[in-house]
N, C-alpha and C. Protein backbone atom coordinates (compact mmCIF):
# COMPACT_ATOMS: atom_id res chain seq x y z
N UNK A 1 0.59 -1.01 -0.02
CA UNK A 1 -0.07 0.05 -0.06
C UNK A 1 1.08 1.40 0.30
N UNK A 2 2.36 1.09 0.35
CA UNK A 2 2.81 2.24 0.58
C UNK A 2 3.23 3.22 -0.89
N UNK A 3 3.04 2.53 -2.51
CA UNK A 3 3.33 3.16 -3.50
C UNK A 3 1.81 4.17 -3.91
N UNK A 4 0.63 3.32 -3.13
CA UNK A 4 -0.75 4.14 -3.39
C UNK A 4 -0.36 5.86 -2.32
N UNK A 5 0.09 5.23 -1.25
CA UNK A 5 0.46 6.37 -0.64
C UNK A 5 0.98 7.48 -0.71
N UNK A 6 2.26 7.00 -1.40
CA UNK A 6 2.58 8.63 -2.15
C UNK A 6 2.28 9.09 -3.17
N UNK A 7 1.46 7.79 -4.07
CA UNK A 7 0.82 8.71 -5.59
C UNK A 7 -0.64 9.67 -4.19
N UNK A 8 -1.08 9.50 -3.23
CA UNK A 8 -1.87 10.23 -2.42
C UNK A 8 -1.26 11.20 -2.24
N UNK A 9 -0.13 11.26 -1.80
CA UNK A 9 0.82 12.30 -1.30
C UNK A 9 0.98 13.83 -2.69
N UNK A 10 1.29 13.11 -3.73
CA UNK A 10 1.80 13.63 -4.91
C UNK A 10 0.68 14.36 -5.60
N UNK A 11 -0.38 13.65 -5.21
CA UNK A 11 -1.61 14.73 -5.51
C UNK A 11 -1.83 15.51 -5.02
N UNK A 12 -1.57 15.63 -3.62
CA UNK A 12 -2.26 16.15 -2.66
C UNK A 12 -0.97 17.77 -2.87
N UNK A 13 0.01 17.23 -3.23
CA UNK A 13 1.16 18.62 -3.32
C UNK A 13 1.06 19.44 -4.89
N UNK A 14 0.49 17.88 -6.02
CA UNK A 14 -0.09 18.82 -6.86
C UNK A 14 -1.20 20.11 -6.88
N UNK A 15 -1.99 19.58 -6.04
CA UNK A 15 -3.30 20.22 -5.88
C UNK A 15 -2.84 21.99 -4.82
N UNK A 16 -1.38 21.60 -3.75
CA UNK A 16 -1.61 22.89 -3.32
C UNK A 16 -0.37 23.64 -4.22
N UNK A 17 0.28 23.04 -5.40
CA UNK A 17 1.11 23.71 -6.42
C UNK A 17 0.59 24.39 -7.49
N UNK A 18 -0.74 24.14 -7.75
CA UNK A 18 -1.52 24.07 -9.38
C UNK A 18 -2.78 25.46 -8.09
N UNK A 19 -2.90 25.05 -6.95
CA UNK A 19 -4.20 25.42 -6.49
C UNK A 19 -3.89 26.94 -5.66
N UNK A 20 -2.10 27.13 -5.24
CA UNK A 20 -2.36 28.21 -4.76
C UNK A 20 -0.58 29.15 -5.56
N UNK A 21 -0.05 28.18 -6.04
CA UNK A 21 0.77 28.71 -6.73
C UNK A 21 1.08 29.70 -7.95
N UNK A 22 0.14 28.77 -8.90
CA UNK A 22 -0.41 29.41 -9.68
C UNK A 22 -1.04 30.73 -10.16
N UNK A 23 -2.14 30.74 -9.06
CA UNK A 23 -3.16 31.91 -9.05
C UNK A 23 -2.39 32.70 -8.38
N UNK A 24 -1.67 32.19 -7.57
CA UNK A 24 -0.74 33.98 -6.80
C UNK A 24 0.36 34.34 -7.71
N UNK A 25 1.13 33.43 -8.55
CA UNK A 25 1.89 34.18 -10.01
C UNK A 25 1.00 35.03 -10.42
N UNK A 26 0.00 34.52 -10.98
CA UNK A 26 -0.79 35.62 -11.90
C UNK A 26 -1.03 36.79 -11.06
N UNK A 27 -1.19 37.05 -9.83
CA UNK A 27 -1.23 37.96 -8.99
C UNK A 27 0.01 38.97 -8.99
N UNK A 28 0.95 38.42 -8.78
CA UNK A 28 2.18 39.16 -8.39
C UNK A 28 2.86 38.81 -9.65
N UNK A 29 2.70 38.52 -11.05
CA UNK A 29 3.37 38.89 -12.38
C UNK A 29 3.46 40.47 -12.59
N UNK A 30 2.38 41.48 -12.38
CA UNK A 30 2.38 42.55 -12.95
C UNK A 30 3.51 43.49 -11.99
N UNK A 31 4.03 42.85 -11.03
CA UNK A 31 5.03 43.53 -10.24
C UNK A 31 6.45 43.73 -10.59
N UNK A 32 6.49 42.59 -11.67
CA UNK A 32 7.64 42.34 -12.31
C UNK A 32 7.55 41.96 -13.77
N UNK A 33 6.86 43.00 -14.13
CA UNK A 33 6.69 43.21 -15.46
C UNK A 33 6.06 42.25 -16.34
N UNK A 34 5.31 41.33 -16.00
CA UNK A 34 4.44 40.15 -16.44
C UNK A 34 3.11 39.86 -16.44
N UNK A 35 2.74 39.01 -17.37
CA UNK A 35 1.16 38.79 -16.95
C UNK A 35 0.75 37.20 -17.23
N UNK A 36 0.13 36.61 -16.68
CA UNK A 36 0.07 35.10 -16.83
C UNK A 36 -1.65 34.81 -17.52
N UNK A 37 -1.54 34.12 -18.46
CA UNK A 37 -2.61 33.81 -18.80
C UNK A 37 -2.87 32.73 -19.05
N UNK A 38 -4.19 31.95 -19.31
CA UNK A 38 -4.36 30.30 -19.75
C UNK A 38 -4.85 30.19 -21.00
N UNK A 39 -4.58 29.40 -21.64
CA UNK A 39 -4.42 29.23 -22.89
C UNK A 39 -6.10 28.04 -22.95
N UNK A 40 -7.03 29.02 -23.25
CA UNK A 40 -8.22 27.79 -23.26
C UNK A 40 -8.60 27.38 -25.02
N UNK A 41 -7.76 27.48 -26.01
CA UNK A 41 -7.97 26.58 -27.65
C UNK A 41 -6.69 25.94 -27.63
N UNK A 42 -7.07 25.51 -28.77
CA UNK A 42 -6.04 24.71 -29.27
C UNK A 42 -5.19 24.97 -30.49
N UNK A 43 -5.36 26.02 -30.83
CA UNK A 43 -3.99 26.85 -31.82
C UNK A 43 -3.51 26.80 -31.97
N UNK A 44 -2.45 26.87 -30.60
CA UNK A 44 -1.21 27.20 -30.86
C UNK A 44 -0.61 25.58 -30.99
N UNK A 45 -1.27 23.96 -30.31
CA UNK A 45 -0.61 22.79 -30.14
C UNK A 45 0.09 22.75 -31.14
N UNK A 46 0.82 22.02 -31.56
CA UNK A 46 1.32 21.52 -30.29
C UNK A 46 2.30 21.91 -29.84
N UNK A 47 2.76 22.83 -30.03
CA UNK A 47 3.75 24.07 -28.80
C UNK A 47 3.33 23.98 -27.93
N UNK A 48 2.23 24.70 -27.68
CA UNK A 48 1.46 25.28 -26.21
C UNK A 48 0.24 24.37 -26.10
N UNK A 49 0.45 23.66 -25.28
CA UNK A 49 -1.00 23.23 -25.29
C UNK A 49 -2.38 23.66 -24.91
N UNK A 50 -3.94 23.34 -24.84
CA UNK A 50 -4.22 23.59 -24.64
C UNK A 50 -4.66 23.43 -22.86
N UNK A 51 -5.04 24.17 -22.06
CA UNK A 51 -4.87 24.27 -20.83
C UNK A 51 -3.52 24.79 -20.13
N UNK A 52 -2.34 25.23 -21.02
CA UNK A 52 -1.56 25.83 -20.05
C UNK A 52 -1.69 27.41 -19.91
N UNK A 53 -0.44 27.49 -18.62
CA UNK A 53 -0.39 28.50 -18.18
C UNK A 53 0.31 29.49 -19.45
N UNK A 54 0.56 30.59 -19.52
CA UNK A 54 1.48 30.90 -20.34
C UNK A 54 1.71 32.89 -19.72
N UNK A 55 3.22 32.60 -19.50
CA UNK A 55 3.85 33.75 -18.92
C UNK A 55 4.23 35.41 -19.80
N UNK A 56 3.82 36.15 -19.83
CA UNK A 56 3.92 37.18 -21.38
C UNK A 56 4.37 38.16 -20.63
N UNK A 57 5.24 38.81 -21.54
CA UNK A 57 6.26 40.30 -21.17
C UNK A 57 6.57 40.84 -21.91
N UNK A 58 6.03 42.09 -21.75
CA UNK A 58 5.88 43.68 -22.79
C UNK A 58 6.93 43.84 -23.28
N UNK A 59 7.08 43.85 -24.66
CA UNK A 59 8.09 44.54 -25.55
C UNK A 59 7.66 45.24 -26.60
N UNK A 60 8.51 46.30 -27.43
CA UNK A 60 7.84 47.05 -28.38
C UNK A 60 7.37 46.28 -29.35
N UNK A 61 6.54 46.95 -30.32
CA UNK A 61 6.07 45.95 -31.77
C UNK A 61 7.39 46.27 -32.76
N UNK A 62 8.13 47.42 -32.34
CA UNK A 62 9.50 47.72 -33.38
C UNK A 62 10.46 46.34 -32.93
N UNK A 63 10.43 45.56 -31.72
CA UNK A 63 11.27 44.06 -31.19
C UNK A 63 10.91 42.93 -31.48
N UNK A 64 9.59 43.16 -32.16
CA UNK A 64 9.19 41.45 -32.64
C UNK A 64 9.70 41.55 -33.95
N UNK A 65 9.84 39.87 -33.73
CA UNK A 65 9.99 39.28 -35.21
C UNK A 65 9.52 38.33 -35.55
N UNK A 66 9.62 37.78 -36.62
CA UNK A 66 8.93 36.11 -37.07
C UNK A 66 9.08 35.13 -36.46
N UNK A 67 8.21 34.35 -35.81
CA UNK A 67 8.50 32.99 -35.17
C UNK A 67 7.86 33.53 -33.78
N UNK A 68 8.22 34.58 -33.19
CA UNK A 68 7.81 34.75 -31.99
C UNK A 68 6.20 34.86 -31.76
N UNK A 69 5.91 34.23 -30.63
CA UNK A 69 4.61 34.41 -30.09
C UNK A 69 4.38 35.17 -28.69
N UNK A 70 2.75 35.86 -29.87
CA UNK A 70 2.87 37.29 -29.12
C UNK A 70 1.01 37.13 -28.52
N UNK A 71 0.84 37.92 -27.36
CA UNK A 71 -0.81 37.78 -26.99
C UNK A 71 -0.98 38.52 -27.04
N UNK A 72 -2.51 38.76 -27.84
CA UNK A 72 -2.95 40.23 -27.80
C UNK A 72 -4.63 40.17 -27.12
N UNK A 73 -5.15 41.91 -27.13
CA UNK A 73 -6.67 41.64 -26.83
C UNK A 73 -7.07 41.94 -27.86
N UNK A 74 -8.33 41.01 -27.98
CA UNK A 74 -8.94 41.29 -29.23
C UNK A 74 -10.18 42.28 -28.48
N UNK A 75 -10.62 42.79 -29.91
CA UNK A 75 -12.41 43.88 -29.92
C UNK A 75 -13.05 43.44 -29.01
N UNK A 76 -13.35 42.06 -28.87
CA UNK A 76 -14.72 41.39 -28.01
C UNK A 76 -13.55 41.44 -26.38
N UNK A 77 -12.58 41.99 -26.36
CA UNK A 77 -11.96 41.33 -25.15
C UNK A 77 -11.09 40.57 -24.74
N UNK A 78 -11.27 39.38 -25.61
CA UNK A 78 -10.77 38.04 -24.98
C UNK A 78 -9.51 38.24 -25.94
N UNK A 79 -8.51 37.87 -24.97
CA UNK A 79 -6.81 37.80 -25.24
C UNK A 79 -6.45 36.04 -26.02
N UNK A 80 -5.72 36.63 -27.19
CA UNK A 80 -5.36 35.60 -28.44
C UNK A 80 -4.20 35.50 -28.43
N UNK A 81 -3.64 34.25 -28.27
CA UNK A 81 -2.13 34.13 -28.12
C UNK A 81 -1.58 33.17 -29.82
N UNK A 82 -1.04 33.95 -30.58
CA UNK A 82 -0.90 33.09 -31.97
C UNK A 82 0.57 33.31 -32.36
N UNK A 83 1.26 33.14 -33.34
CA UNK A 83 2.52 33.50 -33.53
C UNK A 83 2.61 34.14 -34.49
N UNK A 84 3.94 35.39 -34.51
CA UNK A 84 4.04 36.75 -35.19
C UNK A 84 4.37 36.12 -36.96
N UNK A 85 3.57 36.10 -37.81
CA UNK A 85 4.37 35.92 -39.44
C UNK A 85 4.97 37.33 -40.16
N UNK A 86 4.45 38.21 -39.79
CA UNK A 86 5.23 39.36 -40.06
C UNK A 86 4.66 40.83 -39.24
N UNK A 87 5.84 41.77 -39.84
CA UNK A 87 4.91 42.79 -38.99
C UNK A 87 5.10 43.90 -40.68
N UNK A 88 3.88 44.81 -40.65
CA UNK A 88 3.78 45.17 -41.70
C UNK A 88 3.00 46.76 -41.04
N UNK A 89 3.37 47.79 -42.06
CA UNK A 89 2.72 48.98 -41.72
C UNK A 89 1.40 48.84 -42.40
N UNK A 90 0.57 50.11 -42.14
CA UNK A 90 -0.93 49.95 -42.68
C UNK A 90 -1.35 51.41 -42.12
N UNK A 91 -1.14 53.07 -43.68
CA UNK A 91 -1.52 54.04 -42.82
C UNK A 91 -0.40 54.58 -42.21
N UNK A 92 1.23 54.19 -41.97
CA UNK A 92 1.90 54.86 -41.64
C UNK A 92 1.95 53.96 -40.33
N UNK A 93 1.05 53.09 -40.02
CA UNK A 93 0.68 52.54 -38.42
C UNK A 93 1.41 51.15 -38.68
N UNK A 94 2.36 50.52 -37.17
CA UNK A 94 2.74 49.10 -37.16
C UNK A 94 1.31 48.25 -36.94
N UNK A 95 1.14 46.95 -37.55
CA UNK A 95 0.37 45.95 -37.62
C UNK A 95 1.07 44.66 -37.69
N UNK A 96 0.44 43.70 -36.78
CA UNK A 96 1.28 42.37 -36.83
C UNK A 96 0.50 41.02 -37.43
N UNK A 97 0.68 40.62 -38.17
CA UNK A 97 0.26 39.45 -38.91
C UNK A 97 0.46 37.91 -37.99
N UNK A 98 -0.28 37.39 -37.85
CA UNK A 98 -0.72 35.96 -36.92
C UNK A 98 -1.27 34.98 -37.40
N UNK A 99 -0.75 33.60 -36.77
CA UNK A 99 -1.34 32.90 -37.26
C UNK A 99 -0.84 31.88 -35.92
N UNK A 100 -1.91 31.19 -35.63
CA UNK A 100 -1.92 29.89 -34.39
C UNK A 100 -1.08 28.46 -35.82
N UNK A 101 -0.57 28.10 -34.83
CA UNK A 101 0.38 26.87 -35.63
C UNK A 101 -0.39 25.59 -35.65
N UNK A 102 -1.81 25.45 -35.32
CA UNK A 102 -2.57 24.36 -35.78
C UNK A 102 -3.17 25.01 -36.74
N UNK A 103 -3.46 26.15 -37.15
CA UNK A 103 -4.58 26.85 -38.11
C UNK A 103 -3.82 26.42 -39.44
N UNK A 104 -4.52 26.41 -40.53
CA UNK A 104 -3.93 26.06 -41.86
C UNK A 104 -3.55 27.33 -42.68
N UNK A 105 -4.12 28.68 -42.06
CA UNK A 105 -3.97 29.70 -43.45
C UNK A 105 -3.58 30.83 -41.51
N UNK A 106 -3.43 32.01 -42.34
CA UNK A 106 -2.90 32.64 -40.66
C UNK A 106 -4.63 33.88 -40.70
N UNK A 107 -4.36 34.67 -39.55
CA UNK A 107 -5.28 35.41 -39.01
C UNK A 107 -6.26 36.16 -39.95
N UNK A 108 -7.29 36.25 -39.85
CA UNK A 108 -7.85 36.83 -41.39
C UNK A 108 -7.25 38.71 -41.41
N UNK A 109 -6.98 39.08 -39.92
CA UNK A 109 -7.19 40.41 -39.93
C UNK A 109 -5.82 40.67 -38.95
N UNK A 110 -4.78 41.87 -39.33
CA UNK A 110 -3.53 41.90 -38.73
C UNK A 110 -3.80 42.48 -37.13
N UNK A 111 -3.23 42.54 -36.50
CA UNK A 111 -3.39 42.97 -34.61
C UNK A 111 -3.00 44.38 -34.98
N UNK A 112 -3.42 45.25 -34.27
CA UNK A 112 -3.00 46.89 -34.40
C UNK A 112 -1.41 46.88 -33.03
N UNK A 113 -0.39 47.77 -33.39
CA UNK A 113 0.75 47.25 -32.36
C UNK A 113 -0.15 47.93 -31.28
N UNK A 114 -1.58 48.65 -30.89
CA UNK A 114 -1.78 49.27 -29.48
C UNK A 114 -2.55 47.90 -28.94
N UNK A 115 -2.88 46.69 -29.56
CA UNK A 115 -3.16 45.55 -29.11
C UNK A 115 -2.64 44.70 -28.50
N UNK A 116 -1.53 45.06 -28.79
CA UNK A 116 -0.30 43.59 -28.24
C UNK A 116 -0.02 44.13 -27.13
N UNK A 117 -0.25 43.19 -26.23
CA UNK A 117 0.17 42.94 -24.58
C UNK A 117 1.68 42.30 -24.32
N UNK A 118 2.58 41.50 -25.36
CA UNK A 118 3.56 40.89 -24.74
C UNK A 118 3.78 40.08 -25.77
N UNK A 119 4.97 39.57 -25.52
CA UNK A 119 6.08 38.59 -26.07
C UNK A 119 5.69 37.17 -25.02
N UNK A 120 5.02 35.78 -25.48
CA UNK A 120 5.24 34.60 -24.60
C UNK A 120 6.54 34.18 -23.99
N UNK A 121 7.45 34.40 -22.69
CA UNK A 121 8.26 33.74 -22.46
C UNK A 121 8.49 32.17 -22.04
N UNK A 122 7.77 31.93 -21.74
CA UNK A 122 7.50 30.65 -20.97
C UNK A 122 6.15 30.34 -21.25
N UNK A 123 6.00 28.94 -20.57
CA UNK A 123 4.81 28.42 -20.78
C UNK A 123 4.57 26.94 -19.44
N UNK A 124 3.70 26.81 -18.73
CA UNK A 124 3.40 25.16 -17.91
C UNK A 124 2.54 24.94 -18.89
N UNK A 125 2.30 23.54 -18.79
CA UNK A 125 1.06 22.45 -19.65
C UNK A 125 0.27 22.33 -18.38
N UNK A 126 -0.68 22.19 -18.25
CA UNK A 126 -1.67 22.14 -17.63
C UNK A 126 -2.00 22.77 -16.23
N UNK A 127 -1.06 23.87 -16.38
CA UNK A 127 -1.52 24.94 -15.13
C UNK A 127 -2.27 25.65 -15.12
N UNK A 128 -2.91 26.11 -17.06
CA UNK A 128 -3.72 27.02 -16.88
C UNK A 128 -5.32 26.49 -16.28
N UNK A 129 -5.39 25.04 -16.58
CA UNK A 129 -6.64 24.81 -16.10
C UNK A 129 -7.08 25.31 -14.29
N UNK A 130 -5.69 25.24 -13.32
CA UNK A 130 -6.03 25.42 -11.80
C UNK A 130 -6.84 27.05 -12.30
N UNK A 131 -5.80 28.11 -13.27
CA UNK A 131 -5.77 29.34 -12.98
C UNK A 131 -6.86 29.36 -13.31
N UNK A 132 -7.67 28.96 -14.21
CA UNK A 132 -9.35 29.03 -14.96
C UNK A 132 -10.12 28.37 -13.69
N UNK A 133 -9.86 27.39 -12.91
CA UNK A 133 -10.88 26.71 -12.10
C UNK A 133 -10.88 28.15 -11.06
N UNK A 134 -9.57 28.81 -10.04
CA UNK A 134 -9.68 29.24 -9.33
C UNK A 134 -10.09 30.76 -9.53
N UNK A 135 -10.49 30.72 -10.67
CA UNK A 135 -10.80 31.99 -10.89
C UNK A 135 -12.32 32.76 -11.05
N UNK A 136 -13.46 31.28 -10.76
CA UNK A 136 -14.25 31.45 -10.27
C UNK A 136 -14.79 31.13 -8.83
N UNK A 137 -15.76 31.24 -8.41
CA UNK A 137 -16.18 30.82 -7.29
C UNK A 137 -16.28 29.02 -7.09
N UNK A 138 -17.58 28.89 -7.94
CA UNK A 138 -17.47 27.59 -8.38
C UNK A 138 -16.32 26.64 -8.80
N UNK A 139 -15.61 26.96 -9.24
CA UNK A 139 -14.14 25.98 -9.21
C UNK A 139 -13.18 26.34 -8.32
N UNK A 140 -13.17 27.37 -7.23
CA UNK A 140 -12.39 27.72 -6.23
C UNK A 140 -12.83 26.85 -5.02
N UNK A 141 -14.46 26.42 -4.84
CA UNK A 141 -14.99 25.66 -4.35
C UNK A 141 -14.97 23.84 -4.34
N UNK A 142 -15.08 23.50 -6.14
CA UNK A 142 -14.63 22.51 -6.70
C UNK A 142 -13.58 21.88 -6.17
N UNK A 143 -12.44 22.80 -6.26
CA UNK A 143 -10.92 22.51 -5.65
C UNK A 143 -10.80 22.44 -4.44
N UNK A 144 -10.98 23.02 -3.78
CA UNK A 144 -10.90 23.28 -2.39
C UNK A 144 -11.39 21.60 -1.77
N UNK A 145 -12.69 21.20 -2.30
CA UNK A 145 -13.59 20.05 -2.04
C UNK A 145 -12.64 18.49 -2.37
N UNK A 146 -12.13 19.08 -3.43
CA UNK A 146 -10.94 17.70 -4.35
C UNK A 146 -9.72 17.83 -3.27
N UNK A 147 -9.45 18.78 -2.67
CA UNK A 147 -8.31 18.31 -2.12
C UNK A 147 -8.71 18.38 -0.44
N UNK A 148 -9.71 18.62 -0.70
CA UNK A 148 -10.11 18.11 1.40
C UNK A 148 -10.67 16.67 1.25
N UNK A 149 -10.98 16.54 0.30
CA UNK A 149 -11.32 14.58 0.34
C UNK A 149 -10.29 13.85 0.10
N UNK A 150 -8.95 14.26 -0.94
CA UNK A 150 -8.12 13.61 -0.87
C UNK A 150 -7.32 13.83 0.82
N UNK A 151 -6.96 14.33 1.51
CA UNK A 151 -6.60 14.70 2.63
C UNK A 151 -7.63 13.73 3.57
N UNK A 152 -8.25 13.53 3.54
CA UNK A 152 -9.92 12.75 4.47
C UNK A 152 -9.39 11.06 3.98
N UNK A 153 -8.79 10.90 2.67
CA UNK A 153 -8.72 9.39 2.05
C UNK A 153 -7.30 9.27 3.36
N UNK A 154 -6.47 10.23 3.29
CA UNK A 154 -5.14 9.77 3.89
C UNK A 154 -4.81 9.43 4.95
N UNK A 155 -6.11 10.49 5.81
CA UNK A 155 -6.35 10.62 7.04
C UNK A 155 -6.87 9.25 7.72
N UNK A 156 -7.53 9.11 6.62
CA UNK A 156 -8.36 7.44 6.68
C UNK A 156 -7.47 6.27 6.89
N UNK A 157 -7.00 5.92 5.93
CA UNK A 157 -5.97 4.88 5.37
C UNK A 157 -4.71 4.67 6.32
N UNK A 158 -4.29 6.11 7.43
CA UNK A 158 -3.26 5.78 7.86
C UNK A 158 -3.43 4.94 9.38
N UNK A 159 -3.99 5.15 10.18
CA UNK A 159 -5.12 4.14 11.11
C UNK A 159 -4.96 2.85 10.81
N UNK A 160 -5.42 2.33 9.50
CA UNK A 160 -5.71 1.29 9.30
C UNK A 160 -4.54 0.61 8.74
N UNK A 161 -3.21 1.56 8.49
CA UNK A 161 -2.33 0.75 7.95
C UNK A 161 -1.74 -0.24 9.84
N UNK A 162 -2.10 1.35 10.50
CA UNK A 162 -1.04 1.10 11.35
C UNK A 162 -1.86 0.07 12.72
N UNK A 163 -2.82 -0.08 12.51
CA UNK A 163 -3.52 -1.12 13.09
C UNK A 163 -2.97 -2.66 12.41
N UNK A 164 -3.36 -2.46 11.19
CA UNK A 164 -2.68 -4.09 10.59
C UNK A 164 -1.25 -4.34 10.89
N UNK A 165 -0.15 -3.44 11.21
CA UNK A 165 0.55 -3.62 11.89
C UNK A 165 0.90 -4.54 12.98
N UNK A 166 -0.07 -3.31 13.78
CA UNK A 166 0.07 -4.44 15.50
C UNK A 166 -0.75 -6.02 14.98
N UNK A 167 -1.57 -5.96 14.27
CA UNK A 167 -1.90 -7.39 14.19
C UNK A 167 -1.43 -8.65 14.07
N UNK A 168 -0.30 -7.76 13.06
CA UNK A 168 0.34 -8.97 12.48
C UNK A 168 1.45 -9.01 13.58
N UNK A 169 2.08 -8.53 14.27
CA UNK A 169 3.00 -8.52 15.09
C UNK A 169 2.30 -8.95 16.29
N UNK A 170 1.33 -9.07 16.97
CA UNK A 170 0.93 -9.64 17.73
C UNK A 170 0.43 -11.45 17.46
N UNK A 171 0.17 -11.21 16.20
CA UNK A 171 -0.40 -12.81 15.88
C UNK A 171 1.01 -13.35 15.58
N UNK A 172 1.91 -13.14 15.22
CA UNK A 172 3.30 -14.08 14.67
C UNK A 172 3.98 -14.12 16.18
N UNK A 173 3.49 -13.50 17.50
CA UNK A 173 4.31 -13.93 18.65
C UNK A 173 3.21 -15.07 19.73
N UNK A 174 2.38 -14.60 19.42
CA UNK A 174 0.70 -15.18 20.22
C UNK A 174 1.04 -16.67 20.86
N UNK A 175 1.14 -16.89 22.06
CA UNK A 175 1.24 -18.50 22.39
C UNK A 175 2.82 -18.95 21.77
N UNK A 176 3.77 -18.09 21.73
CA UNK A 176 5.14 -18.88 21.48
C UNK A 176 5.81 -18.93 22.96
N UNK A 177 5.38 -17.80 23.51
CA UNK A 177 6.10 -17.81 25.26
C UNK A 177 7.66 -17.38 24.96
N UNK A 178 8.01 -16.77 26.02
CA UNK A 178 9.65 -16.21 26.02
C UNK A 178 10.53 -17.42 25.20
N UNK A 179 11.45 -17.37 24.42
CA UNK A 179 12.12 -17.90 23.55
C UNK A 179 13.57 -18.64 24.86
N UNK A 180 13.64 -19.93 24.63
CA UNK A 180 15.08 -19.78 25.88
C UNK A 180 15.99 -21.27 24.75
N UNK A 181 17.01 -21.13 25.52
CA UNK A 181 18.17 -21.70 24.76
C UNK A 181 18.11 -23.43 24.87
N UNK A 182 17.92 -24.03 23.78
CA UNK A 182 17.91 -25.16 23.52
C UNK A 182 19.07 -25.88 23.79
N UNK A 183 18.64 -26.78 25.41
CA UNK A 183 19.81 -27.68 25.51
C UNK A 183 20.04 -29.28 25.27
N UNK A 184 20.85 -29.74 24.90
CA UNK A 184 20.87 -31.52 24.95
C UNK A 184 20.64 -32.12 26.47
N UNK A 185 19.91 -32.79 26.50
CA UNK A 185 20.04 -34.18 27.99
C UNK A 185 21.55 -34.46 28.36
N UNK A 186 21.77 -34.16 29.63
CA UNK A 186 22.94 -34.86 30.10
C UNK A 186 22.63 -36.18 29.62
N UNK A 187 24.08 -36.68 29.16
CA UNK A 187 23.86 -38.46 29.48
C UNK A 187 24.98 -39.12 30.76
N UNK A 188 24.45 -40.07 31.63
CA UNK A 188 25.28 -40.59 32.65
C UNK A 188 26.39 -40.92 32.32
N UNK A 189 27.69 -40.63 32.84
CA UNK A 189 28.68 -40.85 33.10
C UNK A 189 28.82 -42.26 33.31
N UNK A 190 29.36 -43.58 32.46
CA UNK A 190 29.72 -44.92 32.83
C UNK A 190 30.94 -45.11 33.68
N UNK A 191 30.31 -46.06 34.49
CA UNK A 191 31.23 -46.34 35.85
C UNK A 191 32.42 -45.95 35.89
N UNK A 192 33.40 -46.81 35.13
CA UNK A 192 34.83 -46.88 34.78
C UNK A 192 35.45 -45.59 33.98
N UNK A 193 33.93 -44.30 33.55
CA UNK A 193 34.67 -42.94 33.19
C UNK A 193 34.68 -41.76 34.54
N UNK A 194 33.41 -42.37 35.22
CA UNK A 194 33.34 -41.50 36.68
C UNK A 194 35.20 -40.78 37.39
N UNK A 195 34.80 -39.86 38.17
CA UNK A 195 35.87 -39.09 38.81
C UNK A 195 36.43 -40.20 40.07
N UNK A 196 37.71 -40.56 40.16
CA UNK A 196 38.04 -41.12 41.75
C UNK A 196 37.44 -41.07 42.53
N UNK A 197 36.62 -41.07 43.81
CA UNK A 197 35.90 -41.36 44.38
C UNK A 197 34.78 -40.72 44.22
N UNK A 198 33.94 -41.40 43.20
CA UNK A 198 32.43 -41.06 42.51
C UNK A 198 32.79 -42.31 41.75
N UNK A 199 33.04 -43.30 42.18
CA UNK A 199 32.76 -44.38 41.59
C UNK A 199 31.49 -45.29 42.67
N UNK A 200 30.20 -46.22 41.98
CA UNK A 200 29.53 -46.57 42.53
C UNK A 200 30.03 -47.68 43.16
N UNK A 201 29.35 -47.43 44.27
CA UNK A 201 29.31 -48.53 45.32
C UNK A 201 28.82 -49.77 45.38
N UNK A 202 29.84 -50.69 45.20
CA UNK A 202 28.86 -52.30 45.25
C UNK A 202 27.94 -51.97 45.83
N UNK A 203 26.53 -52.42 45.58
CA UNK A 203 25.29 -52.50 46.66
C UNK A 203 25.80 -53.86 47.98
N UNK A 204 26.12 -55.08 47.56
CA UNK A 204 26.72 -56.24 48.85
C UNK A 204 27.90 -55.91 49.31
N UNK A 205 28.92 -55.04 49.02
CA UNK A 205 30.05 -54.14 49.98
C UNK A 205 29.47 -53.32 51.00
N UNK A 206 28.43 -52.17 50.32
CA UNK A 206 28.05 -51.61 51.43
C UNK A 206 27.14 -52.14 52.02
N UNK A 207 26.85 -53.41 51.90
CA UNK A 207 25.29 -53.59 53.56
C UNK A 207 25.87 -54.50 54.04
N UNK A 208 27.06 -55.65 53.73
CA UNK A 208 27.67 -56.70 54.66
C UNK A 208 29.09 -56.52 54.75
N UNK A 209 30.10 -55.40 53.98
CA UNK A 209 31.18 -55.26 54.55
C UNK A 209 32.57 -56.73 53.27
N UNK A 210 33.74 -56.37 53.71
CA UNK A 210 34.26 -57.22 52.68
C UNK A 210 34.01 -58.62 53.11
N UNK A 211 34.23 -59.33 52.09
CA UNK A 211 33.53 -60.51 52.44
C UNK A 211 35.35 -61.61 52.19
């Protein structure tokens, strides 16, 4: 049962890491010029899988190069993360042509420079799911409930294992009594082998004297 217990501990550790560290990082990231977003689609797969958490750092549009992965804010308020194809100018203003790695064609319209949030400098697969879940009250309650259930399961299994060990230990010694060294029975020495002065007396001599 030890591997199961280790797996349970690992799951609890992941819950703590994803449920606390990831949301905390998204809150603290702006203090160091970064932002953290969750990838909700598969348009950047397999490079950035759906459910990943990405770290975005600000960079001037003039420093962008083809191949960079950028995040921008769309007109509907959603954040999109795609790869830069090229930087172009329209009416004297810079625009960025983008495309998702999993898409067959570039995005239908170029992204204006002022909509670019920054360049993706790192990502963590699956961590975005924790970020999405912890951002809603329902998700927060579900996450905490799942963690408490795992803790309760681990606490319930602990006493049973100790009880089983005590039962096995008691069963292995019950009725055996204290151990004693085994001694071989001593055989009486032959008459001619007994020390002088310890020879057996002749019953006739001992009763009637010398004949």
